[in-house]
PDB file of all heavy atoms in Angstrom:
ATOM      1  N   ILE A   1     153.844  81.580 166.715  1.00  0.00           N
ATOM      2  CA  ILE A   1     152.763  80.709 166.273  1.00  0.00           C
ATOM      3  C   ILE A   1     152.982  79.333 166.934  1.00  0.00           C
ATOM      4  O   ILE A   1     152.002  78.704 167.432  1.00  0.00           O
ATOM      5  CB  ILE A   1     152.729  80.596 164.754  1.00  0.00           C
ATOM      6  CG1 ILE A   1     152.250  81.914 164.139  1.00  0.00           C
ATOM      7  CG2 ILE A   1     151.780  79.451 164.340  1.00  0.00           C
ATOM      8  CD1 ILE A   1     152.344  81.908 162.638  1.00  0.00           C
ATOM      9  N   ASP A   2     154.229  78.824 166.928  1.00  0.00           N
ATOM     10  CA  ASP A   2     154.490  77.536 167.542  1.00  0.00           C
ATOM     11  C   ASP A   2     154.197  77.601 169.033  1.00  0.00           C
ATOM     12  O   ASP A   2     153.597  76.666 169.580  1.00  0.00           O
ATOM     13  CB  ASP A   2     155.987  77.154 167.312  1.00  0.00           C
ATOM     14  CG  ASP A   2     156.240  76.827 165.869  1.00  0.00           C
ATOM     15  OD1 ASP A   2     155.288  76.577 165.091  1.00  0.00           O
ATOM     16  OD2 ASP A   2     157.442  76.811 165.502  1.00  0.00           O
ATOM     17  N   ALA A   3     154.666  78.714 169.657  1.00  0.00           N
ATOM     18  CA  ALA A   3     154.394  78.847 171.075  1.00  0.00           C
ATOM     19  C   ALA A   3     152.915  78.849 171.391  1.00  0.00           C
ATOM     20  O   ALA A   3     152.438  78.249 172.333  1.00  0.00           O
ATOM     21  CB  ALA A   3     155.090  80.096 171.634  1.00  0.00           C
ATOM     22  N   ARG A   4     152.177  79.665 170.551  1.00  0.00           N
ATOM     23  CA  ARG A   4     150.735  79.730 170.747  1.00  0.00           C
ATOM     24  C   ARG A   4     150.084  78.423 170.515  1.00  0.00           C
ATOM     25  O   ARG A   4     149.109  78.047 171.221  1.00  0.00           O
ATOM     26  CB  ARG A   4     150.159  80.884 169.846  1.00  0.00           C
ATOM     27  CG  ARG A   4     148.675  81.084 170.077  1.00  0.00           C
ATOM     28  CD  ARG A   4     148.339  81.391 171.507  1.00  0.00           C
ATOM     29  NE  ARG A   4     146.924  81.569 171.727  1.00  0.00           N
ATOM     30  CZ  ARG A   4     146.344  81.425 172.934  1.00  0.00           C
ATOM     31  NH1 ARG A   4     147.103  81.113 174.005  1.00  0.00           N
ATOM     32  NH2 ARG A   4     145.065  81.654 173.056  1.00  0.00           N
ATOM     33  N   THR A   5     150.568  77.725 169.522  1.00  0.00           N
ATOM     34  CA  THR A   5     150.028  76.408 169.198  1.00  0.00           C
ATOM     35  C   THR A   5     150.241  75.472 170.403  1.00  0.00           C
ATOM     36  O   THR A   5     149.354  74.698 170.795  1.00  0.00           O
ATOM     37  CB  THR A   5     150.664  75.806 167.944  1.00  0.00           C
ATOM     38  OG1 THR A   5     150.455  76.684 166.830  1.00  0.00           O
ATOM     39  CG2 THR A   5     150.108  74.443 167.625  1.00  0.00           C
ATOM     40  N   ARG A   6     151.454  75.504 170.973  1.00  0.00           N
ATOM     41  CA  ARG A   6     151.692  74.703 172.162  1.00  0.00           C
ATOM     42  C   ARG A   6     150.833  75.134 173.315  1.00  0.00           C
ATOM     43  O   ARG A   6     150.329  74.277 174.056  1.00  0.00           O
ATOM     44  CB  ARG A   6     153.182  74.847 172.575  1.00  0.00           C
ATOM     45  CG  ARG A   6     154.160  74.136 171.647  1.00  0.00           C
ATOM     46  CD  ARG A   6     155.504  73.996 172.251  1.00  0.00           C
ATOM     47  NE  ARG A   6     156.118  75.326 172.529  1.00  0.00           N
ATOM     48  CZ  ARG A   6     156.831  75.995 171.615  1.00  0.00           C
ATOM     49  NH1 ARG A   6     157.105  75.484 170.466  1.00  0.00           N
ATOM     50  NH2 ARG A   6     157.359  77.173 171.957  1.00  0.00           N
ATOM     51  N   GLU A   7     150.684  76.459 173.470  1.00  0.00           N
ATOM     52  CA  GLU A   7     149.824  76.940 174.573  1.00  0.00           C
ATOM     53  C   GLU A   7     148.363  76.437 174.377  1.00  0.00           C
ATOM     54  O   GLU A   7     147.706  75.988 175.340  1.00  0.00           O
ATOM     55  CB  GLU A   7     149.801  78.494 174.592  1.00  0.00           C
ATOM     56  CG  GLU A   7     151.113  79.073 175.060  1.00  0.00           C
ATOM     57  CD  GLU A   7     151.098  80.588 174.952  1.00  0.00           C
ATOM     58  OE1 GLU A   7     150.067  81.137 174.557  1.00  0.00           O
ATOM     59  OE2 GLU A   7     152.131  81.243 175.286  1.00  0.00           O
ATOM     60  N   LEU A   8     147.900  76.529 173.091  1.00  0.00           N
ATOM     61  CA  LEU A   8     146.550  76.022 172.871  1.00  0.00           C
ATOM     62  C   LEU A   8     146.462  74.531 173.119  1.00  0.00           C
ATOM     63  O   LEU A   8     145.452  74.031 173.659  1.00  0.00           O
ATOM     64  CB  LEU A   8     146.141  76.348 171.388  1.00  0.00           C
ATOM     65  CG  LEU A   8     145.945  77.805 171.107  1.00  0.00           C
ATOM     66  CD1 LEU A   8     145.677  78.014 169.627  1.00  0.00           C
ATOM     67  CD2 LEU A   8     144.777  78.437 171.902  1.00  0.00           C
ATOM     68  N   SER A   9     147.498  73.836 172.710  1.00  0.00           N
ATOM     69  CA  SER A   9     147.515  72.391 172.930  1.00  0.00           C
ATOM     70  C   SER A   9     147.507  72.096 174.444  1.00  0.00           C
ATOM     71  O   SER A   9     146.816  71.189 174.938  1.00  0.00           O
ATOM     72  CB  SER A   9     148.752  71.741 172.316  1.00  0.00           C
ATOM     73  OG  SER A   9     148.787  70.361 172.547  1.00  0.00           O
ATOM     74  N   GLU A  10     148.335  72.865 175.144  1.00  0.00           N
ATOM     75  CA  GLU A  10     148.422  72.696 176.599  1.00  0.00           C
ATOM     76  C   GLU A  10     147.057  73.050 177.283  1.00  0.00           C
ATOM     77  O   GLU A  10     146.572  72.413 178.203  1.00  0.00           O
ATOM     78  CB  GLU A  10     149.512  73.511 177.236  1.00  0.00           C
ATOM     79  CG  GLU A  10     150.912  73.012 176.802  1.00  0.00           C
ATOM     80  CD  GLU A  10     152.008  74.010 177.182  1.00  0.00           C
ATOM     81  OE1 GLU A  10     151.662  75.065 177.735  1.00  0.00           O
ATOM     82  OE2 GLU A  10     153.179  73.658 176.953  1.00  0.00           O
ATOM     83  N   GLU A  11     146.491  74.166 176.733  1.00  0.00           N
ATOM     84  CA  GLU A  11     145.195  74.556 177.235  1.00  0.00           C
ATOM     85  C   GLU A  11     144.142  73.475 176.962  1.00  0.00           C
ATOM     86  O   GLU A  11     143.284  73.188 177.830  1.00  0.00           O
ATOM     87  CB  GLU A  11     144.765  75.893 176.647  1.00  0.00           C
ATOM     88  CG  GLU A  11     145.612  77.064 177.076  1.00  0.00           C
ATOM     89  CD  GLU A  11     145.308  78.318 176.374  1.00  0.00           C
ATOM     90  OE1 GLU A  11     144.392  78.320 175.489  1.00  0.00           O
ATOM     91  OE2 GLU A  11     145.956  79.378 176.646  1.00  0.00           O
ATOM     92  N   ARG A  12     144.221  72.888 175.780  1.00  0.00           N
ATOM     93  CA  ARG A  12     143.228  71.832 175.477  1.00  0.00           C
ATOM     94  C   ARG A  12     143.482  70.611 176.361  1.00  0.00           C
ATOM     95  O   ARG A  12     142.508  70.019 176.865  1.00  0.00           O
ATOM     96  CB  ARG A  12     143.357  71.405 173.989  1.00  0.00           C
ATOM     97  CG  ARG A  12     142.725  72.376 173.027  1.00  0.00           C
ATOM     98  CD  ARG A  12     142.598  71.717 171.640  1.00  0.00           C
ATOM     99  NE  ARG A  12     143.936  71.460 171.091  1.00  0.00           N
ATOM    100  CZ  ARG A  12     144.568  72.301 170.278  1.00  0.00           C
ATOM    101  NH1 ARG A  12     144.022  73.470 170.005  1.00  0.00           N
ATOM    102  NH2 ARG A  12     145.733  71.974 169.770  1.00  0.00           N
ATOM    103  N   ALA A  13     144.775  70.293 176.580  1.00  0.00           N
ATOM    104  CA  ALA A  13     145.100  69.210 177.480  1.00  0.00           C
ATOM    105  C   ALA A  13     144.604  69.513 178.917  1.00  0.00           C
ATOM    106  O   ALA A  13     144.077  68.653 179.579  1.00  0.00           O
ATOM    107  CB  ALA A  13     146.613  68.930 177.492  1.00  0.00           C
ATOM    108  N   ALA A  14     144.860  70.792 179.356  1.00  0.00           N
ATOM    109  CA  ALA A  14     144.465  71.175 180.688  1.00  0.00           C
ATOM    110  C   ALA A  14     142.911  71.141 180.790  1.00  0.00           C
ATOM    111  O   ALA A  14     142.352  70.723 181.845  1.00  0.00           O
ATOM    112  CB  ALA A  14     144.942  72.592 180.998  1.00  0.00           C
ATOM    113  N   LEU A  15     142.275  71.565 179.719  1.00  0.00           N
ATOM    114  CA  LEU A  15     140.759  71.544 179.728  1.00  0.00           C
ATOM    115  C   LEU A  15     140.250  70.075 179.777  1.00  0.00           C
ATOM    116  O   LEU A  15     139.333  69.767 180.524  1.00  0.00           O
ATOM    117  CB  LEU A  15     140.248  72.245 178.489  1.00  0.00           C
ATOM    118  CG  LEU A  15     138.705  72.325 178.362  1.00  0.00           C
ATOM    119  CD1 LEU A  15     138.098  73.063 179.555  1.00  0.00           C
ATOM    120  CD2 LEU A  15     138.322  72.987 177.033  1.00  0.00           C
ATOM    121  N   GLN A  16     140.986  69.245 179.016  1.00  0.00           N
ATOM    122  CA  GLN A  16     140.582  67.818 179.007  1.00  0.00           C
ATOM    123  C   GLN A  16     140.766  67.241 180.427  1.00  0.00           C
ATOM    124  O   GLN A  16     139.933  66.539 180.945  1.00  0.00           O
ATOM    125  CB  GLN A  16     141.370  67.060 177.970  1.00  0.00           C
ATOM    126  CG  GLN A  16     140.961  65.592 177.924  1.00  0.00           C
ATOM    127  CD  GLN A  16     141.792  64.849 176.868  1.00  0.00           C
ATOM    128  OE1 GLN A  16     142.549  65.433 176.102  1.00  0.00           O
ATOM    129  NE2 GLN A  16     141.625  63.559 176.791  1.00  0.00           N
ATOM    130  N   THR A  17     141.976  67.595 181.022  1.00  0.00           N
ATOM    131  CA  THR A  17     142.258  67.131 182.369  1.00  0.00           C
ATOM    132  C   THR A  17     141.203  67.658 183.367  1.00  0.00           C
ATOM    133  O   THR A  17     140.681  66.925 184.214  1.00  0.00           O
ATOM    134  CB  THR A  17     143.637  67.607 182.796  1.00  0.00           C
ATOM    135  OG1 THR A  17     144.628  67.073 181.922  1.00  0.00           O
ATOM    136  CG2 THR A  17     143.976  67.113 184.204  1.00  0.00           C
ATOM    137  N   SER A  18     140.894  68.963 183.173  1.00  0.00           N
ATOM    138  CA  SER A  18     139.878  69.555 184.082  1.00  0.00           C
ATOM    139  C   SER A  18     138.542  68.854 183.940  1.00  0.00           C
ATOM    140  O   SER A  18     137.864  68.553 184.929  1.00  0.00           O
ATOM    141  CB  SER A  18     139.749  71.085 183.781  1.00  0.00           C
ATOM    142  OG  SER A  18     138.725  71.643 184.603  1.00  0.00           O
ATOM    143  N   ASN A  19     138.169  68.552 182.659  1.00  0.00           N
ATOM    144  CA  ASN A  19     136.897  67.832 182.421  1.00  0.00           C
ATOM    145  C   ASN A  19     136.971  66.461 183.071  1.00  0.00           C
ATOM    146  O   ASN A  19     135.940  65.980 183.673  1.00  0.00           O
ATOM    147  CB  ASN A  19     136.595  67.715 180.978  1.00  0.00           C
ATOM    148  CG  ASN A  19     136.282  69.091 180.347  1.00  0.00           C
ATOM    149  OD1 ASN A  19     135.773  69.991 181.092  1.00  0.00           O
ATOM    150  ND2 ASN A  19     136.466  69.256 179.077  1.00  0.00           N
ATOM    151  N   GLU A  20     138.085  65.792 182.909  1.00  0.00           N
ATOM    152  CA  GLU A  20     138.203  64.484 183.461  1.00  0.00           C
ATOM    153  C   GLU A  20     138.115  64.535 185.008  1.00  0.00           C
ATOM    154  O   GLU A  20     137.460  63.702 185.646  1.00  0.00           O
ATOM    155  CB  GLU A  20     139.547  63.842 183.098  1.00  0.00           C
ATOM    156  CG  GLU A  20     139.646  63.502 181.613  1.00  0.00           C
ATOM    157  CD  GLU A  20     141.015  63.035 181.169  1.00  0.00           C
ATOM    158  OE1 GLU A  20     141.928  63.088 182.046  1.00  0.00           O
ATOM    159  OE2 GLU A  20     141.217  62.627 179.990  1.00  0.00           O
ATOM    160  N   GLU A  21     138.823  65.538 185.577  1.00  0.00           N
ATOM    161  CA  GLU A  21     138.765  65.710 187.017  1.00  0.00           C
ATOM    162  C   GLU A  21     137.327  66.059 187.496  1.00  0.00           C
ATOM    163  O   GLU A  21     136.880  65.630 188.555  1.00  0.00           O
ATOM    164  CB  GLU A  21     139.712  66.783 187.473  1.00  0.00           C
ATOM    165  CG  GLU A  21     141.217  66.384 187.301  1.00  0.00           C
ATOM    166  CD  GLU A  21     142.164  67.452 187.739  1.00  0.00           C
ATOM    167  OE1 GLU A  21     141.652  68.601 187.971  1.00  0.00           O
ATOM    168  OE2 GLU A  21     143.350  67.191 187.835  1.00  0.00           O
ATOM    169  N   LEU A  22     136.657  66.890 186.663  1.00  0.00           N
ATOM    170  CA  LEU A  22     135.244  67.240 187.012  1.00  0.00           C
ATOM    171  C   LEU A  22     134.366  65.980 187.002  1.00  0.00           C
ATOM    172  O   LEU A  22     133.549  65.768 187.887  1.00  0.00           O
ATOM    173  CB  LEU A  22     134.719  68.278 186.061  1.00  0.00           C
ATOM    174  CG  LEU A  22     133.288  68.769 186.294  1.00  0.00           C
ATOM    175  CD1 LEU A  22     133.179  69.371 187.691  1.00  0.00           C
ATOM    176  CD2 LEU A  22     132.872  69.771 185.235  1.00  0.00           C
ATOM    177  N   GLU A  23     134.607  65.146 185.976  1.00  0.00           N
ATOM    178  CA  GLU A  23     133.834  63.927 185.919  1.00  0.00           C
ATOM    179  C   GLU A  23     134.136  63.013 187.109  1.00  0.00           C
ATOM    180  O   GLU A  23     133.240  62.403 187.736  1.00  0.00           O
ATOM    181  CB  GLU A  23     134.107  63.177 184.614  1.00  0.00           C
ATOM    182  CG  GLU A  23     133.555  63.872 183.344  1.00  0.00           C
ATOM    183  CD  GLU A  23     133.979  63.163 182.100  1.00  0.00           C
ATOM    184  OE1 GLU A  23     134.647  62.103 182.217  1.00  0.00           O
ATOM    185  OE2 GLU A  23     133.669  63.654 181.025  1.00  0.00           O
ATOM    186  N   ALA A  24     135.484  62.952 187.419  1.00  0.00           N
ATOM    187  CA  ALA A  24     135.845  62.162 188.587  1.00  0.00           C
ATOM    188  C   ALA A  24     135.263  62.727 189.887  1.00  0.00           C
ATOM    189  O   ALA A  24     134.861  61.978 190.762  1.00  0.00           O
ATOM    190  CB  ALA A  24     137.379  62.111 188.671  1.00  0.00           C
ATOM    191  N   PHE A  25     135.263  64.064 189.957  1.00  0.00           N
ATOM    192  CA  PHE A  25     134.687  64.714 191.128  1.00  0.00           C
ATOM    193  C   PHE A  25     133.199  64.367 191.248  1.00  0.00           C
ATOM    194  O   PHE A  25     132.704  64.054 192.335  1.00  0.00           O
ATOM    195  CB  PHE A  25     134.874  66.215 191.028  1.00  0.00           C
ATOM    196  CG  PHE A  25     134.327  66.970 192.185  1.00  0.00           C
ATOM    197  CD1 PHE A  25     134.995  67.072 193.397  1.00  0.00           C
ATOM    198  CD2 PHE A  25     133.077  67.594 192.102  1.00  0.00           C
ATOM    199  CE1 PHE A  25     134.489  67.743 194.482  1.00  0.00           C
ATOM    200  CE2 PHE A  25     132.535  68.316 193.142  1.00  0.00           C
ATOM    201  CZ  PHE A  25     133.253  68.363 194.334  1.00  0.00           C
ATOM    202  N   ASN A  26     132.498  64.456 190.131  1.00  0.00           N
ATOM    203  CA  ASN A  26     131.063  64.132 190.125  1.00  0.00           C
ATOM    204  C   ASN A  26     130.879  62.665 190.610  1.00  0.00           C
ATOM    205  O   ASN A  26     129.971  62.361 191.385  1.00  0.00           O
ATOM    206  CB  ASN A  26     130.459  64.365 188.760  1.00  0.00           C
ATOM    207  CG  ASN A  26     130.395  65.815 188.423  1.00  0.00           C
ATOM    208  OD1 ASN A  26     130.375  66.698 189.309  1.00  0.00           O
ATOM    209  ND2 ASN A  26     130.356  66.131 187.131  1.00  0.00           N
ATOM    210  N   TYR A  27     131.747  61.831 190.079  1.00  0.00           N
ATOM    211  CA  TYR A  27     131.648  60.427 190.446  1.00  0.00           C
ATOM    212  C   TYR A  27     131.896  60.265 191.925  1.00  0.00           C
ATOM    213  O   TYR A  27     131.217  59.498 192.659  1.00  0.00           O
ATOM    214  CB  TYR A  27     132.617  59.573 189.649  1.00  0.00           C
ATOM    215  CG  TYR A  27     132.682  58.122 190.077  1.00  0.00           C
ATOM    216  CD1 TYR A  27     131.711  57.214 189.674  1.00  0.00           C
ATOM    217  CD2 TYR A  27     133.672  57.705 190.943  1.00  0.00           C
ATOM    218  CE1 TYR A  27     131.768  55.891 190.093  1.00  0.00           C
ATOM    219  CE2 TYR A  27     133.731  56.376 191.360  1.00  0.00           C
ATOM    220  CZ  TYR A  27     132.797  55.483 190.936  1.00  0.00           C
ATOM    221  OH  TYR A  27     132.829  54.177 191.342  1.00  0.00           O
ATOM    222  N   SER A  28     132.975  61.021 192.412  1.00  0.00           N
ATOM    223  CA  SER A  28     133.309  60.878 193.838  1.00  0.00           C
ATOM    224  C   SER A  28     132.185  61.358 194.712  1.00  0.00           C
ATOM    225  O   SER A  28     131.866  60.784 195.755  1.00  0.00           O
ATOM    226  CB  SER A  28     134.562  61.669 194.142  1.00  0.00           C
ATOM    227  OG  SER A  28     134.883  61.643 195.534  1.00  0.00           O
ATOM    228  N   VAL A  29     131.617  62.489 194.308  1.00  0.00           N
ATOM    229  CA  VAL A  29     130.462  63.036 195.111  1.00  0.00           C
ATOM    230  C   VAL A  29     129.318  62.017 195.135  1.00  0.00           C
ATOM    231  O   VAL A  29     128.679  61.791 196.178  1.00  0.00           O
ATOM    232  CB  VAL A  29     130.005  64.392 194.526  1.00  0.00           C
ATOM    233  CG1 VAL A  29     128.698  64.798 195.157  1.00  0.00           C
ATOM    234  CG2 VAL A  29     131.046  65.416 194.740  1.00  0.00           C
ATOM    235  N   SER A  30     129.097  61.390 193.975  1.00  0.00           N
ATOM    236  CA  SER A  30     127.974  60.464 193.891  1.00  0.00           C
ATOM    237  C   SER A  30     128.305  59.107 194.407  1.00  0.00           C
ATOM    238  O   SER A  30     127.402  58.296 194.710  1.00  0.00           O
ATOM    239  CB  SER A  30     127.498  60.331 192.422  1.00  0.00           C
ATOM    240  OG  SER A  30     128.575  59.775 191.664  1.00  0.00           O
ATOM    241  N   HIS A  31     129.600  58.770 194.558  1.00  0.00           N
ATOM    242  CA  HIS A  31     129.943  57.433 195.003  1.00  0.00           C
ATOM    243  C   HIS A  31     130.778  57.414 196.314  1.00  0.00           C
ATOM    244  O   HIS A  31     130.289  56.978 197.374  1.00  0.00           O
ATOM    245  CB  HIS A  31     130.688  56.675 193.906  1.00  0.00           C
ATOM    246  CG  HIS A  31     131.063  55.289 194.232  1.00  0.00           C
ATOM    247  ND1 HIS A  31     132.254  54.931 194.870  1.00  0.00           N
ATOM    248  CD2 HIS A  31     130.389  54.102 194.070  1.00  0.00           C
ATOM    249  CE1 HIS A  31     132.248  53.621 195.082  1.00  0.00           C
ATOM    250  NE2 HIS A  31     131.145  53.112 194.547  1.00  0.00           N
ATOM    251  N   ASP A  32     132.000  58.031 196.202  1.00  0.00           N
ATOM    252  CA  ASP A  32     132.938  57.985 197.317  1.00  0.00           C
ATOM    253  C   ASP A  32     132.330  58.701 198.564  1.00  0.00           C
ATOM    254  O   ASP A  32     132.508  58.247 199.706  1.00  0.00           O
ATOM    255  CB  ASP A  32     134.271  58.556 196.955  1.00  0.00           C
ATOM    256  CG  ASP A  32     135.038  57.677 195.982  1.00  0.00           C
ATOM    257  OD1 ASP A  32     134.437  56.700 195.516  1.00  0.00           O
ATOM    258  OD2 ASP A  32     136.192  58.013 195.641  1.00  0.00           O
ATOM    259  N   LEU A  33     131.699  59.888 198.315  1.00  0.00           N
ATOM    260  CA  LEU A  33     131.159  60.638 199.446  1.00  0.00           C
ATOM    261  C   LEU A  33     129.827  60.046 199.898  1.00  0.00           C
ATOM    262  O   LEU A  33     129.518  60.012 201.083  1.00  0.00           O
ATOM    263  CB  LEU A  33     130.953  62.117 199.075  1.00  0.00           C
ATOM    264  CG  LEU A  33     132.264  62.947 199.000  1.00  0.00           C
ATOM    265  CD1 LEU A  33     131.953  64.356 198.583  1.00  0.00           C
ATOM    266  CD2 LEU A  33     133.017  62.933 200.333  1.00  0.00           C
ATOM    267  N   MET A  34     129.046  59.582 198.955  1.00  0.00           N
ATOM    268  CA  MET A  34     127.739  59.041 199.297  1.00  0.00           C
ATOM    269  C   MET A  34     127.849  57.712 200.059  1.00  0.00           C
ATOM    270  O   MET A  34     127.000  57.429 200.880  1.00  0.00           O
ATOM    271  CB  MET A  34     126.859  58.895 198.036  1.00  0.00           C
ATOM    272  CG  MET A  34     126.458  60.148 197.400  1.00  0.00           C
ATOM    273  SD  MET A  34     125.555  61.232 198.561  1.00  0.00           S
ATOM    274  CE  MET A  34     124.134  60.232 198.871  1.00  0.00           C
ATOM    275  N   THR A  35     128.961  56.984 199.767  1.00  0.00           N
ATOM    276  CA  THR A  35     129.078  55.695 200.481  1.00  0.00           C
ATOM    277  C   THR A  35     129.202  55.883 202.025  1.00  0.00           C
ATOM    278  O   THR A  35     128.440  55.270 202.783  1.00  0.00           O
ATOM    279  CB  THR A  35     130.303  54.911 199.954  1.00  0.00           C
ATOM    280  OG1 THR A  35     130.052  54.618 198.561  1.00  0.00           O
ATOM    281  CG2 THR A  35     130.533  53.585 200.708  1.00  0.00           C
ATOM    282  N   PRO A  36     130.153  56.752 202.491  1.00  0.00           N
ATOM    283  CA  PRO A  36     130.194  56.937 203.932  1.00  0.00           C
ATOM    284  C   PRO A  36     128.907  57.630 204.464  1.00  0.00           C
ATOM    285  O   PRO A  36     128.536  57.422 205.601  1.00  0.00           O
ATOM    286  CB  PRO A  36     131.421  57.788 204.159  1.00  0.00           C
ATOM    287  CG  PRO A  36     131.730  58.380 202.814  1.00  0.00           C
ATOM    288  CD  PRO A  36     131.253  57.387 201.802  1.00  0.00           C
ATOM    289  N   VAL A  37     128.293  58.503 203.631  1.00  0.00           N
ATOM    290  CA  VAL A  37     127.054  59.123 204.108  1.00  0.00           C
ATOM    291  C   VAL A  37     126.030  58.044 204.317  1.00  0.00           C
ATOM    292  O   VAL A  37     125.253  58.072 205.368  1.00  0.00           O
ATOM    293  CB  VAL A  37     126.552  60.135 203.053  1.00  0.00           C
ATOM    294  CG1 VAL A  37     125.147  60.603 203.382  1.00  0.00           C
ATOM    295  CG2 VAL A  37     127.494  61.340 203.047  1.00  0.00           C
ATOM    296  N   ARG A  38     125.899  57.106 203.436  1.00  0.00           N
ATOM    297  CA  ARG A  38     124.897  56.038 203.580  1.00  0.00           C
ATOM    298  C   ARG A  38     125.235  55.161 204.819  1.00  0.00           C
ATOM    299  O   ARG A  38     124.370  54.738 205.565  1.00  0.00           O
ATOM    300  CB  ARG A  38     124.842  55.144 202.327  1.00  0.00           C
ATOM    301  CG  ARG A  38     124.133  55.824 201.139  1.00  0.00           C
ATOM    302  CD  ARG A  38     123.797  54.815 200.088  1.00  0.00           C
ATOM    303  NE  ARG A  38     125.030  54.299 199.447  1.00  0.00           N
ATOM    304  CZ  ARG A  38     125.590  54.865 198.377  1.00  0.00           C
ATOM    305  NH1 ARG A  38     125.051  55.937 197.834  1.00  0.00           N
ATOM    306  NH2 ARG A  38     126.669  54.322 197.858  1.00  0.00           N
ATOM    307  N   HIS A  39     126.569  54.974 205.019  1.00  0.00           N
ATOM    308  CA  HIS A  39     127.004  54.174 206.212  1.00  0.00           C
ATOM    309  C   HIS A  39     126.602  54.945 207.478  1.00  0.00           C
ATOM    310  O   HIS A  39     126.048  54.351 208.426  1.00  0.00           O
ATOM    311  CB  HIS A  39     128.487  53.973 206.185  1.00  0.00           C
ATOM    312  CG  HIS A  39     128.907  52.895 205.277  1.00  0.00           C
ATOM    313  ND1 HIS A  39     130.204  52.400 205.170  1.00  0.00           N
ATOM    314  CD2 HIS A  39     128.232  52.180 204.303  1.00  0.00           C
ATOM    315  CE1 HIS A  39     130.287  51.474 204.264  1.00  0.00           C
ATOM    316  NE2 HIS A  39     129.080  51.313 203.722  1.00  0.00           N
TER     317      HIS A  39
END
């Protein structure tokens, strides 16, 4: 149970990280990539 709880916690953390990275990716696509495209 403890191991599974840790796994779920890690999975939640990984999911949160993935969501954060997805948000950052969306921002990068809309900002970092679009800036040189506009240039």
